[in-house]
Amino acid sequence: MADLVQYYGTGRRKSAIARVFLRPGSGNFKVNDRELKEYFVTEQQRVSAVRPLVLTELTSTFDVVTSVHGGGVSAQADAVKMGIARALIEFNAELRKALKSEGLLSRDARAKERKKYGQKGARKRFQFSKR
């Protein structure tokens, strides 16, 4: 039995986590067993998710299979983007320079700030009354 050739990458953004598998193929893109256009509704999310493949001109070379959970749909698209970039480096280490210069390998650490006690939210306070 022949071994399955695939390259793996994990992507994270906010609380979204994506597990990305790149397999040699014809360019099929599955997210949680659904088509790309079915899962990511807006064009911006689709462009964001496929950006590493478009940048390296490997769109029709790989079939992409991802499972993603947590966060919102936009954060999930960014998590998939990072996962694809990391899997591409596993496939070919020479692609690292191009991907890094576009900022596709750096984790966006911005997350929701926690609510503080004695306040209405993270920054907003209760109304102050002098008298």
N, C-alpha and C. Protein backbone atom coordinates (compact mmCIF):
# COMPACT_ATOMS: atom_id res chain seq x y z
N MET A 1 0.84 -1.19 0.00
CA MET A 1 0.00 0.00 0.00
C MET A 1 0.88 1.25 0.00
N ALA A 2 0.61 2.18 -0.89
CA ALA A 2 1.41 3.40 -1.00
C ALA A 2 1.06 4.36 0.13
N ASP A 3 2.07 5.03 0.63
CA ASP A 3 1.83 6.01 1.69
C ASP A 3 1.21 7.27 1.10
N LEU A 4 0.35 7.88 1.88
CA LEU A 4 -0.28 9.12 1.49
C LEU A 4 0.70 10.26 1.68
N VAL A 5 1.00 10.99 0.60
CA VAL A 5 1.91 12.12 0.70
C VAL A 5 1.09 13.35 1.03
N GLN A 6 1.41 13.97 2.17
CA GLN A 6 0.72 15.19 2.55
C GLN A 6 1.61 16.03 3.44
N TYR A 7 1.35 17.33 3.43
CA TYR A 7 2.12 18.29 4.23
C TYR A 7 1.15 18.96 5.18
N TYR A 8 1.57 19.09 6.46
CA TYR A 8 0.67 19.57 7.50
C TYR A 8 1.13 20.91 8.05
N GLY A 9 0.17 21.77 8.38
CA GLY A 9 0.46 23.05 9.03
C GLY A 9 -0.69 23.45 9.93
N THR A 10 -0.36 24.03 11.08
CA THR A 10 -1.37 24.53 12.00
C THR A 10 -1.41 26.04 11.93
N GLY A 11 -2.60 26.60 11.84
CA GLY A 11 -2.75 28.04 11.84
C GLY A 11 -3.66 28.49 12.96
N ARG A 12 -3.34 29.62 13.56
CA ARG A 12 -4.17 30.15 14.65
C ARG A 12 -4.40 31.64 14.44
N ARG A 13 -5.59 32.09 14.87
CA ARG A 13 -5.93 33.51 14.85
C ARG A 13 -7.06 33.71 15.84
N LYS A 14 -6.86 34.63 16.81
CA LYS A 14 -7.81 34.82 17.91
C LYS A 14 -8.06 33.46 18.56
N SER A 15 -9.28 32.96 18.57
CA SER A 15 -9.50 31.65 19.18
C SER A 15 -9.79 30.58 18.11
N ALA A 16 -9.51 30.89 16.85
CA ALA A 16 -9.71 29.94 15.76
C ALA A 16 -8.44 29.12 15.55
N ILE A 17 -8.61 27.82 15.36
CA ILE A 17 -7.48 26.93 15.11
C ILE A 17 -7.78 26.12 13.86
N ALA A 18 -6.84 26.12 12.91
CA ALA A 18 -7.01 25.39 11.66
C ALA A 18 -5.92 24.34 11.51
N ARG A 19 -6.34 23.13 11.17
CA ARG A 19 -5.41 22.05 10.83
C ARG A 19 -5.47 21.88 9.32
N VAL A 20 -4.35 22.13 8.64
CA VAL A 20 -4.32 22.17 7.18
C VAL A 20 -3.47 21.03 6.64
N PHE A 21 -4.00 20.29 5.67
CA PHE A 21 -3.27 19.23 4.99
C PHE A 21 -3.19 19.56 3.51
N LEU A 22 -1.99 19.63 2.97
CA LEU A 22 -1.80 19.82 1.53
C LEU A 22 -1.46 18.47 0.93
N ARG A 23 -2.23 18.06 -0.07
CA ARG A 23 -1.99 16.80 -0.76
C ARG A 23 -1.84 17.08 -2.24
N PRO A 24 -0.90 16.43 -2.91
CA PRO A 24 -0.76 16.63 -4.36
C PRO A 24 -2.09 16.33 -5.05
N GLY A 25 -2.52 17.24 -5.91
CA GLY A 25 -3.82 17.07 -6.57
C GLY A 25 -4.06 18.13 -7.61
N SER A 26 -5.34 18.49 -7.77
CA SER A 26 -5.73 19.38 -8.86
C SER A 26 -6.27 20.72 -8.40
N GLY A 27 -6.19 21.02 -7.10
CA GLY A 27 -6.63 22.33 -6.63
C GLY A 27 -7.95 22.34 -5.89
N ASN A 28 -8.44 21.18 -5.47
CA ASN A 28 -9.67 21.14 -4.67
C ASN A 28 -9.40 21.74 -3.29
N PHE A 29 -10.39 22.44 -2.74
CA PHE A 29 -10.23 23.12 -1.45
C PHE A 29 -11.42 22.78 -0.57
N LYS A 30 -11.20 22.01 0.48
CA LYS A 30 -12.27 21.61 1.39
C LYS A 30 -12.01 22.21 2.77
N VAL A 31 -13.04 22.82 3.35
CA VAL A 31 -12.98 23.34 4.71
C VAL A 31 -14.11 22.67 5.50
N ASN A 32 -13.76 21.89 6.51
CA ASN A 32 -14.74 21.14 7.29
C ASN A 32 -15.69 20.34 6.39
N ASP A 33 -15.13 19.64 5.42
CA ASP A 33 -15.87 18.79 4.46
C ASP A 33 -16.86 19.58 3.59
N ARG A 34 -16.64 20.89 3.46
CA ARG A 34 -17.46 21.71 2.58
C ARG A 34 -16.55 22.45 1.60
N GLU A 35 -17.12 22.86 0.47
CA GLU A 35 -16.34 23.59 -0.53
C GLU A 35 -15.95 24.97 0.01
N LEU A 36 -14.88 25.53 -0.55
CA LEU A 36 -14.37 26.84 -0.13
C LEU A 36 -15.45 27.92 -0.24
N LYS A 37 -16.14 27.97 -1.39
CA LYS A 37 -17.14 29.02 -1.61
C LYS A 37 -18.37 28.83 -0.71
N GLU A 38 -18.61 27.59 -0.30
CA GLU A 38 -19.74 27.31 0.56
C GLU A 38 -19.44 27.70 2.01
N TYR A 39 -18.18 27.52 2.43
CA TYR A 39 -17.82 27.78 3.83
C TYR A 39 -17.50 29.25 4.06
N PHE A 40 -16.60 29.80 3.23
CA PHE A 40 -16.25 31.23 3.34
C PHE A 40 -17.13 31.99 2.36
N VAL A 41 -18.11 32.70 2.89
CA VAL A 41 -19.15 33.31 2.06
C VAL A 41 -18.64 34.55 1.33
N THR A 42 -17.89 35.41 2.01
CA THR A 42 -17.46 36.65 1.37
C THR A 42 -16.19 36.43 0.55
N GLU A 43 -16.02 37.26 -0.44
CA GLU A 43 -14.86 37.19 -1.31
C GLU A 43 -13.57 37.48 -0.54
N GLN A 44 -13.64 38.41 0.41
CA GLN A 44 -12.47 38.78 1.21
C GLN A 44 -11.94 37.58 1.99
N GLN A 45 -12.84 36.79 2.57
CA GLN A 45 -12.43 35.61 3.33
C GLN A 45 -11.79 34.57 2.42
N ARG A 46 -12.36 34.38 1.23
CA ARG A 46 -11.80 33.40 0.28
C ARG A 46 -10.42 33.82 -0.20
N VAL A 47 -10.27 35.10 -0.53
CA VAL A 47 -8.97 35.60 -1.00
C VAL A 47 -7.93 35.46 0.10
N SER A 48 -8.32 35.77 1.34
CA SER A 48 -7.42 35.66 2.47
C SER A 48 -6.96 34.22 2.68
N ALA A 49 -7.89 33.28 2.59
CA ALA A 49 -7.57 31.87 2.84
C ALA A 49 -6.62 31.29 1.80
N VAL A 50 -6.78 31.68 0.52
CA VAL A 50 -5.97 31.09 -0.55
C VAL A 50 -4.70 31.89 -0.86
N ARG A 51 -4.48 32.98 -0.16
CA ARG A 51 -3.37 33.89 -0.48
C ARG A 51 -1.99 33.23 -0.57
N PRO A 52 -1.60 32.34 0.37
CA PRO A 52 -0.28 31.73 0.25
C PRO A 52 -0.11 30.90 -1.03
N LEU A 53 -1.18 30.22 -1.45
CA LEU A 53 -1.11 29.42 -2.67
C LEU A 53 -1.01 30.30 -3.91
N VAL A 54 -1.74 31.40 -3.92
CA VAL A 54 -1.70 32.33 -5.05
C VAL A 54 -0.33 32.98 -5.14
N LEU A 55 0.21 33.36 -3.99
CA LEU A 55 1.52 34.02 -3.94
C LEU A 55 2.62 33.11 -4.47
N THR A 56 2.58 31.84 -4.11
CA THR A 56 3.62 30.89 -4.55
C THR A 56 3.27 30.21 -5.87
N GLU A 57 2.12 30.56 -6.45
CA GLU A 57 1.65 30.03 -7.73
C GLU A 57 1.52 28.51 -7.71
N LEU A 58 1.00 27.97 -6.61
CA LEU A 58 0.80 26.53 -6.46
C LEU A 58 -0.68 26.18 -6.27
N THR A 59 -1.57 27.04 -6.76
CA THR A 59 -3.00 26.87 -6.54
C THR A 59 -3.52 25.56 -7.11
N SER A 60 -3.12 25.20 -8.31
CA SER A 60 -3.64 23.98 -8.95
C SER A 60 -2.75 22.76 -8.71
N THR A 61 -1.74 22.90 -7.86
CA THR A 61 -0.82 21.80 -7.58
C THR A 61 -1.29 20.94 -6.42
N PHE A 62 -1.98 21.56 -5.45
CA PHE A 62 -2.35 20.86 -4.23
C PHE A 62 -3.86 20.82 -4.02
N ASP A 63 -4.32 19.74 -3.41
CA ASP A 63 -5.66 19.69 -2.83
C ASP A 63 -5.50 20.09 -1.37
N VAL A 64 -6.33 21.01 -0.91
CA VAL A 64 -6.23 21.49 0.46
C VAL A 64 -7.40 20.93 1.26
N VAL A 65 -7.09 20.26 2.36
CA VAL A 65 -8.11 19.72 3.26
C VAL A 65 -7.87 20.34 4.62
N THR A 66 -8.84 21.08 5.14
CA THR A 66 -8.67 21.74 6.43
C THR A 66 -9.83 21.41 7.35
N SER A 67 -9.51 21.33 8.64
CA SER A 67 -10.56 21.30 9.65
C SER A 67 -10.27 22.47 10.57
N VAL A 68 -11.28 23.29 10.76
CA VAL A 68 -11.10 24.52 11.52
C VAL A 68 -12.23 24.65 12.53
N HIS A 69 -11.89 25.13 13.74
CA HIS A 69 -12.92 25.33 14.76
C HIS A 69 -12.55 26.53 15.63
N GLY A 70 -13.56 27.07 16.30
CA GLY A 70 -13.36 28.20 17.19
C GLY A 70 -13.34 29.52 16.45
N GLY A 71 -13.63 30.60 17.17
CA GLY A 71 -13.57 31.94 16.59
C GLY A 71 -14.67 32.19 15.58
N GLY A 72 -14.56 33.31 14.90
CA GLY A 72 -15.51 33.66 13.86
C GLY A 72 -15.00 33.23 12.50
N VAL A 73 -15.81 33.43 11.48
CA VAL A 73 -15.46 32.97 10.14
C VAL A 73 -14.25 33.72 9.60
N SER A 74 -14.14 35.01 9.88
CA SER A 74 -13.01 35.79 9.39
C SER A 74 -11.70 35.35 10.05
N ALA A 75 -11.75 35.10 11.35
CA ALA A 75 -10.56 34.60 12.05
C ALA A 75 -10.20 33.21 11.56
N GLN A 76 -11.19 32.41 11.23
CA GLN A 76 -10.93 31.07 10.70
C GLN A 76 -10.24 31.15 9.34
N ALA A 77 -10.64 32.12 8.51
CA ALA A 77 -9.99 32.31 7.21
C ALA A 77 -8.52 32.65 7.40
N ASP A 78 -8.22 33.52 8.36
CA ASP A 78 -6.83 33.88 8.63
C ASP A 78 -6.04 32.71 9.22
N ALA A 79 -6.70 31.88 10.01
CA ALA A 79 -6.05 30.69 10.57
C ALA A 79 -5.71 29.70 9.45
N VAL A 80 -6.62 29.54 8.50
CA VAL A 80 -6.36 28.67 7.35
C VAL A 80 -5.19 29.21 6.53
N LYS A 81 -5.15 30.53 6.37
CA LYS A 81 -4.06 31.17 5.63
C LYS A 81 -2.70 30.83 6.24
N MET A 82 -2.61 30.95 7.56
CA MET A 82 -1.35 30.66 8.25
C MET A 82 -1.00 29.18 8.16
N GLY A 83 -2.02 28.31 8.28
CA GLY A 83 -1.78 26.88 8.19
C GLY A 83 -1.26 26.47 6.83
N ILE A 84 -1.81 27.05 5.77
CA ILE A 84 -1.35 26.75 4.41
C ILE A 84 0.10 27.21 4.24
N ALA A 85 0.42 28.41 4.76
CA ALA A 85 1.78 28.93 4.65
C ALA A 85 2.78 28.00 5.34
N ARG A 86 2.42 27.51 6.52
CA ARG A 86 3.32 26.61 7.26
C ARG A 86 3.47 25.27 6.55
N ALA A 87 2.38 24.77 5.96
CA ALA A 87 2.44 23.50 5.23
C ALA A 87 3.28 23.65 3.96
N LEU A 88 3.22 24.81 3.31
CA LEU A 88 4.04 25.05 2.12
C LEU A 88 5.52 25.05 2.45
N ILE A 89 5.88 25.56 3.62
CA ILE A 89 7.28 25.54 4.04
C ILE A 89 7.75 24.11 4.28
N GLU A 90 6.85 23.27 4.82
CA GLU A 90 7.18 21.86 5.01
C GLU A 90 7.40 21.19 3.65
N PHE A 91 6.63 21.62 2.63
CA PHE A 91 6.77 21.09 1.28
C PHE A 91 8.07 21.55 0.64
N ASN A 92 8.36 22.86 0.74
CA ASN A 92 9.56 23.42 0.11
C ASN A 92 10.06 24.58 0.98
N ALA A 93 11.21 24.38 1.63
CA ALA A 93 11.75 25.38 2.55
C ALA A 93 12.19 26.66 1.85
N GLU A 94 12.39 26.62 0.55
CA GLU A 94 12.81 27.80 -0.20
C GLU A 94 11.69 28.83 -0.34
N LEU A 95 10.46 28.42 -0.10
CA LEU A 95 9.33 29.34 -0.18
C LEU A 95 9.24 30.25 1.05
N ARG A 96 10.02 29.94 2.09
CA ARG A 96 9.94 30.67 3.35
C ARG A 96 10.17 32.17 3.19
N LYS A 97 11.16 32.54 2.40
CA LYS A 97 11.50 33.96 2.24
C LYS A 97 10.33 34.74 1.64
N ALA A 98 9.72 34.19 0.60
CA ALA A 98 8.59 34.88 -0.05
C ALA A 98 7.39 34.99 0.89
N LEU A 99 7.11 33.91 1.62
CA LEU A 99 5.96 33.92 2.53
C LEU A 99 6.20 34.84 3.72
N LYS A 100 7.43 34.85 4.23
CA LYS A 100 7.76 35.69 5.39
C LYS A 100 7.70 37.17 5.03
N SER A 101 8.17 37.52 3.83
CA SER A 101 8.16 38.93 3.42
C SER A 101 6.74 39.46 3.25
N GLU A 102 5.79 38.57 2.97
CA GLU A 102 4.39 38.97 2.86
C GLU A 102 3.67 38.94 4.21
N GLY A 103 4.37 38.49 5.26
CA GLY A 103 3.80 38.47 6.60
C GLY A 103 2.84 37.32 6.85
N LEU A 104 2.99 36.24 6.09
CA LEU A 104 2.06 35.12 6.22
C LEU A 104 2.48 34.11 7.28
N LEU A 105 3.67 34.27 7.85
CA LEU A 105 4.15 33.31 8.84
C LEU A 105 4.06 33.84 10.26
N SER A 106 3.82 35.14 10.41
CA SER A 106 3.78 35.71 11.76
C SER A 106 2.37 35.60 12.32
N ARG A 107 2.28 35.13 13.55
CA ARG A 107 1.00 34.95 14.23
C ARG A 107 0.48 36.30 14.67
N ASP A 108 -0.75 36.61 14.34
CA ASP A 108 -1.38 37.85 14.77
C ASP A 108 -1.90 37.64 16.19
N ALA A 109 -1.20 38.20 17.17
CA ALA A 109 -1.47 37.90 18.58
C ALA A 109 -2.64 38.70 19.15
N ARG A 110 -3.21 39.61 18.37
CA ARG A 110 -4.30 40.42 18.89
C ARG A 110 -5.49 39.53 19.24
N ALA A 111 -6.01 39.72 20.43
CA ALA A 111 -7.17 38.96 20.88
C ALA A 111 -8.06 39.88 21.71
N LYS A 112 -9.23 39.40 22.07
CA LYS A 112 -10.16 40.21 22.84
C LYS A 112 -9.60 40.45 24.24
N GLU A 113 -9.64 41.71 24.66
CA GLU A 113 -9.15 42.08 25.99
C GLU A 113 -10.20 41.71 27.03
N ARG A 114 -9.77 41.21 28.17
CA ARG A 114 -10.71 40.74 29.18
C ARG A 114 -11.43 41.90 29.87
N LYS A 115 -12.65 41.62 30.34
CA LYS A 115 -13.41 42.59 31.11
C LYS A 115 -12.80 42.70 32.50
N LYS A 116 -12.67 43.95 32.99
CA LYS A 116 -12.11 44.17 34.32
C LYS A 116 -13.23 44.37 35.34
N TYR A 117 -12.96 43.99 36.59
CA TYR A 117 -13.95 44.17 37.65
C TYR A 117 -14.11 45.67 37.94
N GLY A 118 -15.29 46.08 38.36
CA GLY A 118 -15.55 47.48 38.65
C GLY A 118 -15.74 48.31 37.39
N GLN A 119 -15.78 47.66 36.24
CA GLN A 119 -15.99 48.35 34.97
C GLN A 119 -17.06 47.62 34.17
N LYS A 120 -17.57 48.35 33.16
CA LYS A 120 -18.62 47.78 32.33
C LYS A 120 -18.05 46.81 31.29
N GLY A 121 -16.81 47.05 30.88
CA GLY A 121 -16.17 46.20 29.87
C GLY A 121 -14.67 46.22 30.07
N ALA A 122 -13.93 45.99 28.99
CA ALA A 122 -12.48 45.98 29.08
C ALA A 122 -11.94 47.39 29.36
N ARG A 123 -12.50 48.38 28.67
CA ARG A 123 -12.05 49.77 28.84
C ARG A 123 -13.16 50.67 29.38
N LYS A 124 -14.40 50.39 28.99
CA LYS A 124 -15.52 51.26 29.37
C LYS A 124 -15.80 51.15 30.87
N ARG A 125 -16.04 52.32 31.47
CA ARG A 125 -16.33 52.34 32.90
C ARG A 125 -17.77 52.69 33.15
N PHE A 126 -18.23 52.46 34.39
CA PHE A 126 -19.57 52.88 34.75
C PHE A 126 -19.59 54.39 34.83
N GLN A 127 -20.76 55.00 34.64
CA GLN A 127 -20.87 56.44 34.62
C GLN A 127 -20.46 57.02 35.99
N PHE A 128 -19.65 58.07 35.94
CA PHE A 128 -19.15 58.71 37.16
C PHE A 128 -20.04 59.88 37.50
N SER A 129 -20.44 59.97 38.77
CA SER A 129 -21.26 61.08 39.21
C SER A 129 -20.52 61.81 40.34
N LYS A 130 -20.26 63.09 40.11
CA LYS A 130 -19.53 63.86 41.11
C LYS A 130 -20.43 64.13 42.31
N ARG A 131 -21.71 64.39 42.07
CA ARG A 131 -22.64 64.69 43.18
C ARG A 131 -23.77 63.71 43.23
